[in-house]
Amino acid sequence: LNDPAHSIYAITANIPLQGAGLLPN
C-alpha cells in the first residue's frame, strides 16, 4: 500500500543504509 508505482520502470527501494558514512569502507 505504501510503495507506489507509476511506470513500468518503478523500483522498490531495497538498499540497507546501516552505518553509512560512519565506518570506513
mmCIF file of all heavy atoms, coordinates in Angstrom:
data_MODEL
# 
_entry.id   MODEL 
# 
loop_
_atom_site.group_PDB 
_atom_site.id 
_atom_site.type_symbol 
_atom_site.label_atom_id 
_atom_site.label_alt_id 
_atom_site.label_comp_id 
_atom_site.label_asym_id 
_atom_site.label_entity_id 
_atom_site.label_seq_id 
_atom_site.pdbx_PDB_ins_code 
_atom_site.Cartn_x 
_atom_site.Cartn_y 
_atom_site.Cartn_z 
_atom_site.occupancy 
_atom_site.B_iso_or_equiv 
_atom_site.pdbx_formal_charge 
_atom_site.auth_seq_id 
_atom_site.auth_comp_id 
_atom_site.auth_asym_id 
_atom_site.auth_atom_id 
_atom_site.pdbx_PDB_model_num 
ATOM 1   N N   . LEU A 1 1  ? 0.811  -1.219 0.000   1.00 0.00 ? 1  LEU A N   1 
ATOM 2   C CA  . LEU A 1 1  ? 0.000  0.000  0.000   1.00 0.00 ? 1  LEU A CA  1 
ATOM 3   C C   . LEU A 1 1  ? 0.846  1.270  0.000   1.00 0.00 ? 1  LEU A C   1 
ATOM 4   O O   . LEU A 1 1  ? 0.437  2.288  -0.538  1.00 0.00 ? 1  LEU A O   1 
ATOM 5   C CB  . LEU A 1 1  ? -0.932 -0.002 1.223   1.00 0.00 ? 1  LEU A CB  1 
ATOM 6   C CG  . LEU A 1 1  ? -2.011 -1.096 1.244   1.00 0.00 ? 1  LEU A CG  1 
ATOM 7   C CD1 . LEU A 1 1  ? -2.822 -1.004 2.519   1.00 0.00 ? 1  LEU A CD1 1 
ATOM 8   C CD2 . LEU A 1 1  ? -2.907 -0.987 0.022   1.00 0.00 ? 1  LEU A CD2 1 
ATOM 9   N N   . ASN A 1 2  ? 2.022  1.212  0.621   1.00 0.00 ? 2  ASN A N   1 
ATOM 10  C CA  . ASN A 1 2  ? 2.832  2.428  0.736   1.00 0.00 ? 2  ASN A CA  1 
ATOM 11  C C   . ASN A 1 2  ? 4.020  2.422  -0.221  1.00 0.00 ? 2  ASN A C   1 
ATOM 12  O O   . ASN A 1 2  ? 5.009  3.098  -0.005  1.00 0.00 ? 2  ASN A O   1 
ATOM 13  C CB  . ASN A 1 2  ? 3.343  2.595  2.175   1.00 0.00 ? 2  ASN A CB  1 
ATOM 14  C CG  . ASN A 1 2  ? 4.251  1.442  2.589   1.00 0.00 ? 2  ASN A CG  1 
ATOM 15  O OD1 . ASN A 1 2  ? 4.156  0.350  2.042   1.00 0.00 ? 2  ASN A OD1 1 
ATOM 16  N ND2 . ASN A 1 2  ? 5.107  1.677  3.564   1.00 0.00 ? 2  ASN A ND2 1 
ATOM 17  N N   . ASP A 1 3  ? 3.934  1.627  -1.292  1.00 0.00 ? 3  ASP A N   1 
ATOM 18  C CA  . ASP A 1 3  ? 5.020  1.530  -2.260  1.00 0.00 ? 3  ASP A CA  1 
ATOM 19  C C   . ASP A 1 3  ? 4.466  1.835  -3.646  1.00 0.00 ? 3  ASP A C   1 
ATOM 20  O O   . ASP A 1 3  ? 4.029  0.940  -4.361  1.00 0.00 ? 3  ASP A O   1 
ATOM 21  C CB  . ASP A 1 3  ? 5.622  0.121  -2.204  1.00 0.00 ? 3  ASP A CB  1 
ATOM 22  C CG  . ASP A 1 3  ? 6.831  -0.022 -3.109  1.00 0.00 ? 3  ASP A CG  1 
ATOM 23  O OD1 . ASP A 1 3  ? 7.390  1.010  -3.517  1.00 0.00 ? 3  ASP A OD1 1 
ATOM 24  O OD2 . ASP A 1 3  ? 7.206  -1.170 -3.406  1.00 0.00 ? 3  ASP A OD2 1 
ATOM 25  N N   . PRO A 1 4  ? 4.484  3.096  -4.071  1.00 0.00 ? 4  PRO A N   1 
ATOM 26  C CA  . PRO A 1 4  ? 3.826  3.471  -5.328  1.00 0.00 ? 4  PRO A CA  1 
ATOM 27  C C   . PRO A 1 4  ? 4.586  2.996  -6.553  1.00 0.00 ? 4  PRO A C   1 
ATOM 28  O O   . PRO A 1 4  ? 5.791  2.764  -6.517  1.00 0.00 ? 4  PRO A O   1 
ATOM 29  C CB  . PRO A 1 4  ? 3.808  5.004  -5.262  1.00 0.00 ? 4  PRO A CB  1 
ATOM 30  C CG  . PRO A 1 4  ? 4.999  5.349  -4.413  1.00 0.00 ? 4  PRO A CG  1 
ATOM 31  C CD  . PRO A 1 4  ? 5.087  4.252  -3.387  1.00 0.00 ? 4  PRO A CD  1 
ATOM 32  N N   . ALA A 1 5  ? 3.852  2.856  -7.651  1.00 0.00 ? 5  ALA A N   1 
ATOM 33  C CA  . ALA A 1 5  ? 4.439  2.545  -8.954  1.00 0.00 ? 5  ALA A CA  1 
ATOM 34  C C   . ALA A 1 5  ? 3.642  3.305  -10.004 1.00 0.00 ? 5  ALA A C   1 
ATOM 35  O O   . ALA A 1 5  ? 2.419  3.186  -10.063 1.00 0.00 ? 5  ALA A O   1 
ATOM 36  C CB  . ALA A 1 5  ? 4.390  1.042  -9.225  1.00 0.00 ? 5  ALA A CB  1 
ATOM 37  N N   . HIS A 1 6  ? 4.330  4.095  -10.821 1.00 0.00 ? 6  HIS A N   1 
ATOM 38  C CA  . HIS A 1 6  ? 3.646  4.919  -11.819 1.00 0.00 ? 6  HIS A CA  1 
ATOM 39  C C   . HIS A 1 6  ? 4.097  4.615  -13.238 1.00 0.00 ? 6  HIS A C   1 
ATOM 40  O O   . HIS A 1 6  ? 3.562  5.188  -14.186 1.00 0.00 ? 6  HIS A O   1 
ATOM 41  C CB  . HIS A 1 6  ? 3.855  6.400  -11.511 1.00 0.00 ? 6  HIS A CB  1 
ATOM 42  C CG  . HIS A 1 6  ? 3.379  6.804  -10.156 1.00 0.00 ? 6  HIS A CG  1 
ATOM 43  N ND1 . HIS A 1 6  ? 2.052  6.753  -9.781  1.00 0.00 ? 6  HIS A ND1 1 
ATOM 44  C CD2 . HIS A 1 6  ? 4.059  7.230  -9.062  1.00 0.00 ? 6  HIS A CD2 1 
ATOM 45  C CE1 . HIS A 1 6  ? 1.931  7.154  -8.512  1.00 0.00 ? 6  HIS A CE1 1 
ATOM 46  N NE2 . HIS A 1 6  ? 3.133  7.448  -8.054  1.00 0.00 ? 6  HIS A NE2 1 
ATOM 47  N N   . SER A 1 7  ? 5.101  3.749  -13.395 1.00 0.00 ? 7  SER A N   1 
ATOM 48  C CA  . SER A 1 7  ? 5.521  3.342  -14.733 1.00 0.00 ? 7  SER A CA  1 
ATOM 49  C C   . SER A 1 7  ? 6.140  1.958  -14.648 1.00 0.00 ? 7  SER A C   1 
ATOM 50  O O   . SER A 1 7  ? 6.401  1.440  -13.554 1.00 0.00 ? 7  SER A O   1 
ATOM 51  C CB  . SER A 1 7  ? 6.529  4.333  -15.330 1.00 0.00 ? 7  SER A CB  1 
ATOM 52  O OG  . SER A 1 7  ? 7.845  4.056  -14.893 1.00 0.00 ? 7  SER A OG  1 
ATOM 53  N N   . ILE A 1 8  ? 6.412  1.379  -15.808 1.00 0.00 ? 8  ILE A N   1 
ATOM 54  C CA  . ILE A 1 8  ? 6.961  0.033  -15.850 1.00 0.00 ? 8  ILE A CA  1 
ATOM 55  C C   . ILE A 1 8  ? 8.389  -0.028 -15.302 1.00 0.00 ? 8  ILE A C   1 
ATOM 56  O O   . ILE A 1 8  ? 8.914  -1.117 -15.064 1.00 0.00 ? 8  ILE A O   1 
ATOM 57  C CB  . ILE A 1 8  ? 6.937  -0.534 -17.284 1.00 0.00 ? 8  ILE A CB  1 
ATOM 58  C CG1 . ILE A 1 8  ? 7.722  0.369  -18.239 1.00 0.00 ? 8  ILE A CG1 1 
ATOM 59  C CG2 . ILE A 1 8  ? 5.503  -0.724 -17.754 1.00 0.00 ? 8  ILE A CG2 1 
ATOM 60  C CD1 . ILE A 1 8  ? 7.810  -0.173 -19.660 1.00 0.00 ? 8  ILE A CD1 1 
ATOM 61  N N   . TYR A 1 9  ? 9.004  1.134  -15.080 1.00 0.00 ? 9  TYR A N   1 
ATOM 62  C CA  . TYR A 1 9  ? 10.366 1.169  -14.553 1.00 0.00 ? 9  TYR A CA  1 
ATOM 63  C C   . TYR A 1 9  ? 10.413 1.431  -13.051 1.00 0.00 ? 9  TYR A C   1 
ATOM 64  O O   . TYR A 1 9  ? 11.493 1.600  -12.483 1.00 0.00 ? 9  TYR A O   1 
ATOM 65  C CB  . TYR A 1 9  ? 11.185 2.246  -15.275 1.00 0.00 ? 9  TYR A CB  1 
ATOM 66  C CG  . TYR A 1 9  ? 11.359 1.980  -16.750 1.00 0.00 ? 9  TYR A CG  1 
ATOM 67  C CD1 . TYR A 1 9  ? 10.604 2.658  -17.699 1.00 0.00 ? 9  TYR A CD1 1 
ATOM 68  C CD2 . TYR A 1 9  ? 12.260 1.029  -17.197 1.00 0.00 ? 9  TYR A CD2 1 
ATOM 69  C CE1 . TYR A 1 9  ? 10.754 2.413  -19.048 1.00 0.00 ? 9  TYR A CE1 1 
ATOM 70  C CE2 . TYR A 1 9  ? 12.422 0.770  -18.553 1.00 0.00 ? 9  TYR A CE2 1 
ATOM 71  C CZ  . TYR A 1 9  ? 11.665 1.462  -19.477 1.00 0.00 ? 9  TYR A CZ  1 
ATOM 72  O OH  . TYR A 1 9  ? 11.809 1.202  -20.813 1.00 0.00 ? 9  TYR A OH  1 
ATOM 73  N N   . ALA A 1 10 ? 9.270  1.464  -12.391 1.00 0.00 ? 10 ALA A N   1 
ATOM 74  C CA  . ALA A 1 10 ? 9.233  1.761  -10.959 1.00 0.00 ? 10 ALA A CA  1 
ATOM 75  C C   . ALA A 1 10 ? 10.051 0.740  -10.178 1.00 0.00 ? 10 ALA A C   1 
ATOM 76  O O   . ALA A 1 10 ? 9.985  -0.460 -10.437 1.00 0.00 ? 10 ALA A O   1 
ATOM 77  C CB  . ALA A 1 10 ? 7.792  1.771  -10.464 1.00 0.00 ? 10 ALA A CB  1 
ATOM 78  N N   . ILE A 1 11 ? 10.831 1.225  -9.220  1.00 0.00 ? 11 ILE A N   1 
ATOM 79  C CA  . ILE A 1 11 ? 11.717 0.372  -8.432  1.00 0.00 ? 11 ILE A CA  1 
ATOM 80  C C   . ILE A 1 11 ? 11.371 0.511  -6.960  1.00 0.00 ? 11 ILE A C   1 
ATOM 81  O O   . ILE A 1 11 ? 11.198 1.620  -6.455  1.00 0.00 ? 11 ILE A O   1 
ATOM 82  C CB  . ILE A 1 11 ? 13.196 0.745  -8.651  1.00 0.00 ? 11 ILE A CB  1 
ATOM 83  C CG1 . ILE A 1 11 ? 13.586 0.481  -10.107 1.00 0.00 ? 11 ILE A CG1 1 
ATOM 84  C CG2 . ILE A 1 11 ? 14.098 -0.042 -7.715  1.00 0.00 ? 11 ILE A CG2 1 
ATOM 85  C CD1 . ILE A 1 11 ? 14.995 0.903  -10.435 1.00 0.00 ? 11 ILE A CD1 1 
ATOM 86  N N   . THR A 1 12 ? 11.278 -0.614 -6.285  1.00 0.00 ? 12 THR A N   1 
ATOM 87  C CA  . THR A 1 12 ? 11.084 -0.620 -4.843  1.00 0.00 ? 12 THR A CA  1 
ATOM 88  C C   . THR A 1 12 ? 12.431 -0.453 -4.154  1.00 0.00 ? 12 THR A C   1 
ATOM 89  O O   . THR A 1 12 ? 13.370 -1.204 -4.441  1.00 0.00 ? 12 THR A O   1 
ATOM 90  C CB  . THR A 1 12 ? 10.448 -1.945 -4.383  1.00 0.00 ? 12 THR A CB  1 
ATOM 91  O OG1 . THR A 1 12 ? 9.152  -2.063 -4.964  1.00 0.00 ? 12 THR A OG1 1 
ATOM 92  C CG2 . THR A 1 12 ? 10.321 -1.979 -2.860  1.00 0.00 ? 12 THR A CG2 1 
ATOM 93  N N   . ALA A 1 13 ? 12.535 0.536  -3.284  1.00 0.00 ? 13 ALA A N   1 
ATOM 94  C CA  . ALA A 1 13 ? 13.788 0.763  -2.570  1.00 0.00 ? 13 ALA A CA  1 
ATOM 95  C C   . ALA A 1 13 ? 14.162 -0.473 -1.768  1.00 0.00 ? 13 ALA A C   1 
ATOM 96  O O   . ALA A 1 13 ? 13.346 -1.005 -1.038  1.00 0.00 ? 13 ALA A O   1 
ATOM 97  C CB  . ALA A 1 13 ? 13.657 1.974  -1.651  1.00 0.00 ? 13 ALA A CB  1 
ATOM 98  N N   . ASN A 1 14 ? 15.387 -0.936 -1.926  1.00 0.00 ? 14 ASN A N   1 
ATOM 99  C CA  . ASN A 1 14 ? 15.812 -2.149 -1.228  1.00 0.00 ? 14 ASN A CA  1 
ATOM 100 C C   . ASN A 1 14 ? 17.300 -2.072 -0.908  1.00 0.00 ? 14 ASN A C   1 
ATOM 101 O O   . ASN A 1 14 ? 18.037 -3.023 -1.115  1.00 0.00 ? 14 ASN A O   1 
ATOM 102 C CB  . ASN A 1 14 ? 15.522 -3.387 -2.076  1.00 0.00 ? 14 ASN A CB  1 
ATOM 103 C CG  . ASN A 1 14 ? 15.304 -4.618 -1.215  1.00 0.00 ? 14 ASN A CG  1 
ATOM 104 O OD1 . ASN A 1 14 ? 14.756 -4.509 -0.128  1.00 0.00 ? 14 ASN A OD1 1 
ATOM 105 N ND2 . ASN A 1 14 ? 15.719 -5.766 -1.680  1.00 0.00 ? 14 ASN A ND2 1 
ATOM 106 N N   . ILE A 1 15 ? 17.730 -0.918 -0.404  1.00 0.00 ? 15 ILE A N   1 
ATOM 107 C CA  . ILE A 1 15 ? 19.145 -0.718 -0.105  1.00 0.00 ? 15 ILE A CA  1 
ATOM 108 C C   . ILE A 1 15 ? 19.312 -0.442 1.381   1.00 0.00 ? 15 ILE A C   1 
ATOM 109 O O   . ILE A 1 15 ? 18.801 0.551  1.897   1.00 0.00 ? 15 ILE A O   1 
ATOM 110 C CB  . ILE A 1 15 ? 19.719 0.464  -0.904  1.00 0.00 ? 15 ILE A CB  1 
ATOM 111 C CG1 . ILE A 1 15 ? 19.571 0.190  -2.411  1.00 0.00 ? 15 ILE A CG1 1 
ATOM 112 C CG2 . ILE A 1 15 ? 21.182 0.681  -0.554  1.00 0.00 ? 15 ILE A CG2 1 
ATOM 113 C CD1 . ILE A 1 15 ? 20.056 1.331  -3.275  1.00 0.00 ? 15 ILE A CD1 1 
ATOM 114 N N   . PRO A 1 16 ? 20.018 -1.297 2.103   1.00 0.00 ? 16 PRO A N   1 
ATOM 115 C CA  . PRO A 1 16 ? 20.264 -1.056 3.524   1.00 0.00 ? 16 PRO A CA  1 
ATOM 116 C C   . PRO A 1 16 ? 21.265 0.067  3.698   1.00 0.00 ? 16 PRO A C   1 
ATOM 117 O O   . PRO A 1 16 ? 22.225 0.189  2.941   1.00 0.00 ? 16 PRO A O   1 
ATOM 118 C CB  . PRO A 1 16 ? 20.839 -2.382 4.021   1.00 0.00 ? 16 PRO A CB  1 
ATOM 119 C CG  . PRO A 1 16 ? 21.454 -2.985 2.814   1.00 0.00 ? 16 PRO A CG  1 
ATOM 120 C CD  . PRO A 1 16 ? 20.614 -2.557 1.643   1.00 0.00 ? 16 PRO A CD  1 
ATOM 121 N N   . LEU A 1 17 ? 21.036 0.895  4.695   1.00 0.00 ? 17 LEU A N   1 
ATOM 122 C CA  . LEU A 1 17 ? 21.897 2.058  4.907   1.00 0.00 ? 17 LEU A CA  1 
ATOM 123 C C   . LEU A 1 17 ? 22.556 2.057  6.264   1.00 0.00 ? 17 LEU A C   1 
ATOM 124 O O   . LEU A 1 17 ? 23.076 3.071  6.705   1.00 0.00 ? 17 LEU A O   1 
ATOM 125 C CB  . LEU A 1 17 ? 21.060 3.347  4.754   1.00 0.00 ? 17 LEU A CB  1 
ATOM 126 C CG  . LEU A 1 17 ? 20.356 3.531  3.410   1.00 0.00 ? 17 LEU A CG  1 
ATOM 127 C CD1 . LEU A 1 17 ? 19.487 4.784  3.440   1.00 0.00 ? 17 LEU A CD1 1 
ATOM 128 C CD2 . LEU A 1 17 ? 21.370 3.623  2.281   1.00 0.00 ? 17 LEU A CD2 1 
ATOM 129 N N   . GLN A 1 18 ? 22.553 0.935  6.963   1.00 0.00 ? 18 GLN A N   1 
ATOM 130 C CA  . GLN A 1 18 ? 23.147 0.918  8.291   1.00 0.00 ? 18 GLN A CA  1 
ATOM 131 C C   . GLN A 1 18 ? 24.614 1.289  8.219   1.00 0.00 ? 18 GLN A C   1 
ATOM 132 O O   . GLN A 1 18 ? 25.364 0.771  7.393   1.00 0.00 ? 18 GLN A O   1 
ATOM 133 C CB  . GLN A 1 18 ? 23.050 -0.469 8.947   1.00 0.00 ? 18 GLN A CB  1 
ATOM 134 C CG  . GLN A 1 18 ? 21.632 -0.927 9.143   1.00 0.00 ? 18 GLN A CG  1 
ATOM 135 C CD  . GLN A 1 18 ? 21.238 -1.925 8.080   1.00 0.00 ? 18 GLN A CD  1 
ATOM 136 O OE1 . GLN A 1 18 ? 21.541 -1.730 6.924   1.00 0.00 ? 18 GLN A OE1 1 
ATOM 137 N NE2 . GLN A 1 18 ? 20.555 -2.976 8.478   1.00 0.00 ? 18 GLN A NE2 1 
ATOM 138 N N   . GLY A 1 19 ? 25.012 2.201  9.079   1.00 0.00 ? 19 GLY A N   1 
ATOM 139 C CA  . GLY A 1 19 ? 26.414 2.548  9.195   1.00 0.00 ? 19 GLY A CA  1 
ATOM 140 C C   . GLY A 1 19 ? 26.938 3.405  8.060   1.00 0.00 ? 19 GLY A C   1 
ATOM 141 O O   . GLY A 1 19 ? 28.139 3.624  7.959   1.00 0.00 ? 19 GLY A O   1 
ATOM 142 N N   . ALA A 1 20 ? 26.055 3.873  7.180   1.00 0.00 ? 20 ALA A N   1 
ATOM 143 C CA  . ALA A 1 20 ? 26.521 4.647  6.043   1.00 0.00 ? 20 ALA A CA  1 
ATOM 144 C C   . ALA A 1 20 ? 27.252 5.899  6.519   1.00 0.00 ? 20 ALA A C   1 
ATOM 145 O O   . ALA A 1 20 ? 26.717 6.709  7.266   1.00 0.00 ? 20 ALA A O   1 
ATOM 146 C CB  . ALA A 1 20 ? 25.343 5.045  5.158   1.00 0.00 ? 20 ALA A CB  1 
ATOM 147 N N   . GLY A 1 21 ? 28.487 6.046  6.083   1.00 0.00 ? 21 GLY A N   1 
ATOM 148 C CA  . GLY A 1 21 ? 29.260 7.224  6.441   1.00 0.00 ? 21 GLY A CA  1 
ATOM 149 C C   . GLY A 1 21 ? 29.854 7.178  7.830   1.00 0.00 ? 21 GLY A C   1 
ATOM 150 O O   . GLY A 1 21 ? 30.573 8.098  8.221   1.00 0.00 ? 21 GLY A O   1 
ATOM 151 N N   . LEU A 1 22 ? 29.566 6.147  8.610   1.00 0.00 ? 22 LEU A N   1 
ATOM 152 C CA  . LEU A 1 22 ? 30.056 6.085  9.979   1.00 0.00 ? 22 LEU A CA  1 
ATOM 153 C C   . LEU A 1 22 ? 31.321 5.246  10.106  1.00 0.00 ? 22 LEU A C   1 
ATOM 154 O O   . LEU A 1 22 ? 32.122 5.465  11.010  1.00 0.00 ? 22 LEU A O   1 
ATOM 155 C CB  . LEU A 1 22 ? 28.961 5.500  10.886  1.00 0.00 ? 22 LEU A CB  1 
ATOM 156 C CG  . LEU A 1 22 ? 27.645 6.269  10.921  1.00 0.00 ? 22 LEU A CG  1 
ATOM 157 C CD1 . LEU A 1 22 ? 26.659 5.563  11.847  1.00 0.00 ? 22 LEU A CD1 1 
ATOM 158 C CD2 . LEU A 1 22 ? 27.870 7.709  11.378  1.00 0.00 ? 22 LEU A CD2 1 
ATOM 159 N N   . LEU A 1 23 ? 31.499 4.269  9.209   1.00 0.00 ? 23 LEU A N   1 
ATOM 160 C CA  . LEU A 1 23 ? 32.651 3.389  9.273   1.00 0.00 ? 23 LEU A CA  1 
ATOM 161 C C   . LEU A 1 23 ? 33.416 3.448  7.963   1.00 0.00 ? 23 LEU A C   1 
ATOM 162 O O   . LEU A 1 23 ? 32.833 3.684  6.903   1.00 0.00 ? 23 LEU A O   1 
ATOM 163 C CB  . LEU A 1 23 ? 32.199 1.937  9.536   1.00 0.00 ? 23 LEU A CB  1 
ATOM 164 C CG  . LEU A 1 23 ? 31.527 1.679  10.881  1.00 0.00 ? 23 LEU A CG  1 
ATOM 165 C CD1 . LEU A 1 23 ? 31.028 0.233  10.925  1.00 0.00 ? 23 LEU A CD1 1 
ATOM 166 C CD2 . LEU A 1 23 ? 32.478 1.933  12.033  1.00 0.00 ? 23 LEU A CD2 1 
ATOM 167 N N   . PRO A 1 24 ? 34.722 3.245  7.997   1.00 0.00 ? 24 PRO A N   1 
ATOM 168 C CA  . PRO A 1 24 ? 35.484 3.218  6.753   1.00 0.00 ? 24 PRO A CA  1 
ATOM 169 C C   . PRO A 1 24 ? 35.061 2.051  5.883   1.00 0.00 ? 24 PRO A C   1 
ATOM 170 O O   . PRO A 1 24 ? 34.740 0.977  6.378   1.00 0.00 ? 24 PRO A O   1 
ATOM 171 C CB  . PRO A 1 24 ? 36.941 3.058  7.242   1.00 0.00 ? 24 PRO A CB  1 
ATOM 172 C CG  . PRO A 1 24 ? 36.820 2.434  8.601   1.00 0.00 ? 24 PRO A CG  1 
ATOM 173 C CD  . PRO A 1 24 ? 35.563 3.008  9.194   1.00 0.00 ? 24 PRO A CD  1 
ATOM 174 N N   . ASN A 1 25 ? 35.041 2.281  4.577   1.00 0.00 ? 25 ASN A N   1 
ATOM 175 C CA  . ASN A 1 25 ? 34.586 1.257  3.633   1.00 0.00 ? 25 ASN A CA  1 
ATOM 176 C C   . ASN A 1 25 ? 35.781 0.407  3.211   1.00 0.00 ? 25 ASN A C   1 
ATOM 177 O O   . ASN A 1 25 ? 36.240 0.462  2.072   1.00 0.00 ? 25 ASN A O   1 
ATOM 178 C CB  . ASN A 1 25 ? 33.947 1.938  2.423   1.00 0.00 ? 25 ASN A CB  1 
ATOM 179 C CG  . ASN A 1 25 ? 33.088 0.976  1.627   1.00 0.00 ? 25 ASN A CG  1 
ATOM 180 O OD1 . ASN A 1 25 ? 32.621 -0.012 2.147   1.00 0.00 ? 25 ASN A OD1 1 
ATOM 181 N ND2 . ASN A 1 25 ? 32.889 1.279  0.358   1.00 0.00 ? 25 ASN A ND2 1 
# 
